[in-house]
């Protein structure tokens, strides 16, 4: 028989850096989950990913206080910043530009992130990533 699900907890945790401090500790502690057990399991599962990469994580807490978790791909903005070596996006998107990104770079990011995007093909996925790039204050160039 399947376990009864108590709740889902959505957090963004850096790969290999899960600690019992906020936001992980309070989120899991109020549900009675073993915080150190989660931290050790998460860090072991993400040791192959570059340390410090933010990973959206969905933690399923069951009624017997056990848990399971799923990690997703890093946010599109993380990939964009990494591709262009940016510290942050524009403070005034639409007015100030912080750089340029090519369509080839957008397609590469879309390919990496495809399984987490709500798109049927690469062109649609690239348009989603393009929207994220524009909201960061980047100009889209052909190439």
C-alpha atoms as a PDB file:
ATOM      1  CA  UNK A   1       0.000   0.000   0.000  1.00  0.00           C
ATOM      2  CA  UNK A   2       1.261   3.476  -0.860  1.00  0.00           C
ATOM      3  CA  UNK A   3       2.220   5.904   1.882  1.00  0.00           C
ATOM      4  CA  UNK A   4      -0.162   8.760   2.626  1.00  0.00           C
ATOM      5  CA  UNK A   5       1.272  12.116   1.543  1.00  0.00           C
ATOM      6  CA  UNK A   6       1.196  14.783   4.244  1.00  0.00           C
ATOM      7  CA  UNK A   7       2.523  17.750   2.210  1.00  0.00           C
ATOM      8  CA  UNK A   8       4.892  19.018  -0.463  1.00  0.00           C
ATOM      9  CA  UNK A   9       7.647  21.498   0.363  1.00  0.00           C
ATOM     10  CA  UNK A  10       9.238  23.498  -2.452  1.00  0.00           C
ATOM     11  CA  UNK A  11      12.682  24.962  -1.776  1.00  0.00           C
ATOM     12  CA  UNK A  12      15.624  26.170  -3.811  1.00  0.00           C
ATOM     13  CA  UNK A  13      18.756  24.604  -2.334  1.00  0.00           C
ATOM     14  CA  UNK A  14      22.358  24.944  -3.484  1.00  0.00           C
ATOM     15  CA  UNK A  15      23.872  21.656  -4.642  1.00  0.00           C
ATOM     16  CA  UNK A  16      26.036  20.011  -2.012  1.00  0.00           C
ATOM     17  CA  UNK A  17      25.354  22.774   0.525  1.00  0.00           C
ATOM     18  CA  UNK A  18      22.214  21.636   2.376  1.00  0.00           C
ATOM     19  CA  UNK A  19      22.461  22.642   6.036  1.00  0.00           C
ATOM     20  CA  UNK A  20      19.907  22.476   8.858  1.00  0.00           C
ATOM     21  CA  UNK A  21      19.803  26.290   8.979  1.00  0.00           C
ATOM     22  CA  UNK A  22      16.987  28.351   7.388  1.00  0.00           C
ATOM     23  CA  UNK A  23      15.218  27.846   5.045  1.00  0.00           C
ATOM     24  CA  UNK A  24      15.633  24.048   5.225  1.00  0.00           C
ATOM     25  CA  UNK A  25      15.538  23.584   9.003  1.00  0.00           C
ATOM     26  CA  UNK A  26      12.304  25.451   9.752  1.00  0.00           C
ATOM     27  CA  UNK A  27      10.499  24.110   6.676  1.00  0.00           C
ATOM     28  CA  UNK A  28      11.238  20.479   7.537  1.00  0.00           C
ATOM     29  CA  UNK A  29      11.217  20.854  11.323  1.00  0.00           C
ATOM     30  CA  UNK A  30       7.619  22.045  11.514  1.00  0.00           C
ATOM     31  CA  UNK A  31       6.602  18.871   9.663  1.00  0.00           C
ATOM     32  CA  UNK A  32       8.600  16.599  11.995  1.00  0.00           C
ATOM     33  CA  UNK A  33      11.045  15.446   9.314  1.00  0.00           C
ATOM     34  CA  UNK A  34      14.600  14.379  10.220  1.00  0.00           C
ATOM     35  CA  UNK A  35      16.480  17.498   9.052  1.00  0.00           C
ATOM     36  CA  UNK A  36      19.996  16.034   9.207  1.00  0.00           C
ATOM     37  CA  UNK A  37      18.813  12.932   7.378  1.00  0.00           C
ATOM     38  CA  UNK A  38      17.490  15.101   4.562  1.00  0.00           C
ATOM     39  CA  UNK A  39      20.654  17.231   4.415  1.00  0.00           C
ATOM     40  CA  UNK A  40      22.929  14.172   4.185  1.00  0.00           C
ATOM     41  CA  UNK A  41      20.730  12.510   1.555  1.00  0.00           C
ATOM     42  CA  UNK A  42      20.432  15.709  -0.528  1.00  0.00           C
ATOM     43  CA  UNK A  43      24.177  16.423  -0.422  1.00  0.00           C
ATOM     44  CA  UNK A  44      24.949  12.830  -1.446  1.00  0.00           C
ATOM     45  CA  UNK A  45      22.452  12.981  -4.324  1.00  0.00           C
ATOM     46  CA  UNK A  46      23.818  16.293  -5.637  1.00  0.00           C
ATOM     47  CA  UNK A  47      27.550  15.643  -5.326  1.00  0.00           C
ATOM     48  CA  UNK A  48      27.816  15.186  -9.125  1.00  0.00           C
ATOM     49  CA  UNK A  49      26.356  18.676  -9.736  1.00  0.00           C
ATOM     50  CA  UNK A  50      28.661  21.708  -9.576  1.00  0.00           C
ATOM     51  CA  UNK A  51      28.765  22.838  -5.937  1.00  0.00           C
ATOM     52  CA  UNK A  52      26.695  25.953  -5.274  1.00  0.00           C
ATOM     53  CA  UNK A  53      24.317  25.472  -8.210  1.00  0.00           C
ATOM     54  CA  UNK A  54      20.788  26.431  -7.099  1.00  0.00           C
ATOM     55  CA  UNK A  55      18.422  23.479  -7.539  1.00  0.00           C
ATOM     56  CA  UNK A  56      14.651  23.797  -7.216  1.00  0.00           C
ATOM     57  CA  UNK A  57      13.669  20.862  -4.990  1.00  0.00           C
ATOM     58  CA  UNK A  58      10.260  19.372  -4.239  1.00  0.00           C
ATOM     59  CA  UNK A  59      10.221  17.451  -0.958  1.00  0.00           C
ATOM     60  CA  UNK A  60       7.324  15.058  -0.409  1.00  0.00           C
ATOM     61  CA  UNK A  61       6.596  14.513   3.286  1.00  0.00           C
ATOM     62  CA  UNK A  62       4.599  11.421   4.187  1.00  0.00           C
ATOM     63  CA  UNK A  63       2.301  10.947   7.200  1.00  0.00           C
ATOM     64  CA  UNK A  64       4.878   8.685   8.910  1.00  0.00           C
ATOM     65  CA  UNK A  65       7.400  11.613   8.794  1.00  0.00           C
ATOM     66  CA  UNK A  66       9.495   9.997   6.073  1.00  0.00           C
ATOM     67  CA  UNK A  67      10.308  11.955   2.917  1.00  0.00           C
ATOM     68  CA  UNK A  68      11.401  11.755  -0.686  1.00  0.00           C
ATOM     69  CA  UNK A  69      12.620  14.544  -2.929  1.00  0.00           C
ATOM     70  CA  UNK A  70      13.006  15.475  -6.577  1.00  0.00           C
ATOM     71  CA  UNK A  71      15.531  18.008  -7.849  1.00  0.00           C
ATOM     72  CA  UNK A  72      14.894  19.961 -11.022  1.00  0.00           C
ATOM     73  CA  UNK A  73      17.228  21.814 -13.400  1.00  0.00           C
ATOM     74  CA  UNK A  74      18.668  25.155 -12.193  1.00  0.00           C
ATOM     75  CA  UNK A  75      16.665  28.290 -13.081  1.00  0.00           C
ATOM     76  CA  UNK A  76      17.084  29.743 -16.577  1.00  0.00           C
ATOM     77  CA  UNK A  77      18.604  32.899 -15.123  1.00  0.00           C
ATOM     78  CA  UNK A  78      21.393  30.806 -13.570  1.00  0.00           C
ATOM     79  CA  UNK A  79      22.268  29.345 -16.994  1.00  0.00           C
ATOM     80  CA  UNK A  80      22.127  32.798 -18.607  1.00  0.00           C
ATOM     81  CA  UNK A  81      24.393  34.366 -15.975  1.00  0.00           C
ATOM     82  CA  UNK A  82      26.819  31.460 -16.294  1.00  0.00           C
ATOM     83  CA  UNK A  83      26.912  31.662 -20.121  1.00  0.00           C
ATOM     84  CA  UNK A  84      27.630  35.401 -20.087  1.00  0.00           C
ATOM     85  CA  UNK A  85      29.680  35.577 -16.852  1.00  0.00           C
ATOM     86  CA  UNK A  86      27.246  38.078 -15.308  1.00  0.00           C
ATOM     87  CA  UNK A  87      26.947  38.838 -11.612  1.00  0.00           C
ATOM     88  CA  UNK A  88      23.329  40.019 -11.911  1.00  0.00           C
ATOM     89  CA  UNK A  89      20.751  41.300 -14.365  1.00  0.00           C
ATOM     90  CA  UNK A  90      19.850  44.904 -15.064  1.00  0.00           C
ATOM     91  CA  UNK A  91      18.358  47.026 -12.278  1.00  0.00           C
ATOM     92  CA  UNK A  92      16.058  48.608 -14.910  1.00  0.00           C
ATOM     93  CA  UNK A  93      15.261  46.029 -17.623  1.00  0.00           C
ATOM     94  CA  UNK A  94      14.027  47.640 -20.833  1.00  0.00           C
ATOM     95  CA  UNK A  95      16.012  50.806 -20.118  1.00  0.00           C
ATOM     96  CA  UNK A  96      19.477  49.574 -19.236  1.00  0.00           C
ATOM     97  CA  UNK A  97      21.147  46.671 -20.994  1.00  0.00           C
ATOM     98  CA  UNK A  98      23.743  44.512 -19.251  1.00  0.00           C
ATOM     99  CA  UNK A  99      24.856  42.595 -22.327  1.00  0.00           C
ATOM    100  CA  UNK A 100      23.899  40.530 -25.342  1.00  0.00           C
ATOM    101  CA  UNK A 101      23.003  36.897 -25.821  1.00  0.00           C
ATOM    102  CA  UNK A 102      22.922  35.050 -29.119  1.00  0.00           C
ATOM    103  CA  UNK A 103      20.129  32.806 -30.369  1.00  0.00           C
ATOM    104  CA  UNK A 104      22.602  29.893 -30.361  1.00  0.00           C
ATOM    105  CA  UNK A 105      23.236  30.441 -26.639  1.00  0.00           C
ATOM    106  CA  UNK A 106      19.470  30.622 -26.008  1.00  0.00           C
ATOM    107  CA  UNK A 107      18.958  27.330 -27.846  1.00  0.00           C
ATOM    108  CA  UNK A 108      21.772  25.665 -25.875  1.00  0.00           C
ATOM    109  CA  UNK A 109      20.229  26.789 -22.579  1.00  0.00           C
ATOM    110  CA  UNK A 110      16.788  25.632 -23.781  1.00  0.00           C
ATOM    111  CA  UNK A 111      18.260  22.221 -24.656  1.00  0.00           C
ATOM    112  CA  UNK A 112      19.777  21.893 -21.158  1.00  0.00           C
ATOM    113  CA  UNK A 113      16.553  22.949 -19.447  1.00  0.00           C
ATOM    114  CA  UNK A 114      14.063  21.261 -21.839  1.00  0.00           C
ATOM    115  CA  UNK A 115      12.704  18.616 -19.448  1.00  0.00           C
ATOM    116  CA  UNK A 116      11.550  21.272 -16.942  1.00  0.00           C
ATOM    117  CA  UNK A 117      10.022  23.645 -19.499  1.00  0.00           C
ATOM    118  CA  UNK A 118       6.412  23.599 -20.618  1.00  0.00           C
ATOM    119  CA  UNK A 119       7.307  23.418 -24.319  1.00  0.00           C
ATOM    120  CA  UNK A 120       6.854  20.817 -27.033  1.00  0.00           C
ATOM    121  CA  UNK A 121       9.842  21.739 -29.194  1.00  0.00           C
ATOM    122  CA  UNK A 122      13.167  23.553 -29.065  1.00  0.00           C
ATOM    123  CA  UNK A 123      11.842  26.727 -30.741  1.00  0.00           C
ATOM    124  CA  UNK A 124       9.150  27.191 -28.075  1.00  0.00           C
ATOM    125  CA  UNK A 125      11.648  26.414 -25.309  1.00  0.00           C
ATOM    126  CA  UNK A 126      14.094  28.984 -26.709  1.00  0.00           C
ATOM    127  CA  UNK A 127      11.319  31.619 -26.664  1.00  0.00           C
ATOM    128  CA  UNK A 128      10.714  30.922 -22.972  1.00  0.00           C
ATOM    129  CA  UNK A 129      14.427  31.375 -22.243  1.00  0.00           C
ATOM    130  CA  UNK A 130      14.442  34.502 -24.427  1.00  0.00           C
ATOM    131  CA  UNK A 131      11.746  36.008 -22.188  1.00  0.00           C
ATOM    132  CA  UNK A 132      13.898  35.352 -19.131  1.00  0.00           C
ATOM    133  CA  UNK A 133      16.895  36.953 -20.849  1.00  0.00           C
ATOM    134  CA  UNK A 134      14.878  40.054 -21.786  1.00  0.00           C
ATOM    135  CA  UNK A 135      13.610  40.393 -18.215  1.00  0.00           C
ATOM    136  CA  UNK A 136      17.251  40.420 -17.064  1.00  0.00           C
ATOM    137  CA  UNK A 137      17.992  43.346 -19.399  1.00  0.00           C
ATOM    138  CA  UNK A 138      19.805  41.447 -22.164  1.00  0.00           C
ATOM    139  CA  UNK A 139      19.601  42.159 -25.880  1.00  0.00           C
ATOM    140  CA  UNK A 140      18.991  39.216 -28.214  1.00  0.00           C
ATOM    141  CA  UNK A 141      21.297  39.120 -31.247  1.00  0.00           C
ATOM    142  CA  UNK A 142      21.424  36.731 -34.196  1.00  0.00           C
ATOM    143  CA  UNK A 143      24.306  34.329 -34.351  1.00  0.00           C
END
